[in-house]
């Protein structure tokens, strides 16, 4: 009788671990240069397509009501809080722990970059890599929930 219960518990634990290896959730962004907390970003998976919006600014120097005045698309002059900064990322065909093919927006300069997301450290952290040609920059975000 213990074997089926143990098997069920192991299956549930494996499912929980697998669920954490997704980028979906709430993340604390950490600036890769200053190492300061910048914002909270909510990442959602809608039908296999991942996107993310800024939910809250944590940087004490950020101004309430700040807008993306340097954005050049439909996000121009939109409030930073609520701004969509991750778009159209899909799970990699070859590596199921990587989401790529979309873009990330840097609201500080209004530029968009090719993006790659990979949960690491058991899903407790998320590596966000933004590419401009062969060059890239990586940030590590911390899971909040």
Foldseek 3Di string as FASTA:
>chain_A
DVVVVVVVVVVVVVVVLVVLLDPAAKWFWADPPVRDTFFIKGWDQDPQFIWIATAGTPPPPDDPQDALCQADPPRHRPGRHGDIFWGGWGQDPVDRQKTFDTWGADSVRNDIFGWMWGQDPSNQKIWIWGDDVPDIDITIIGGPD
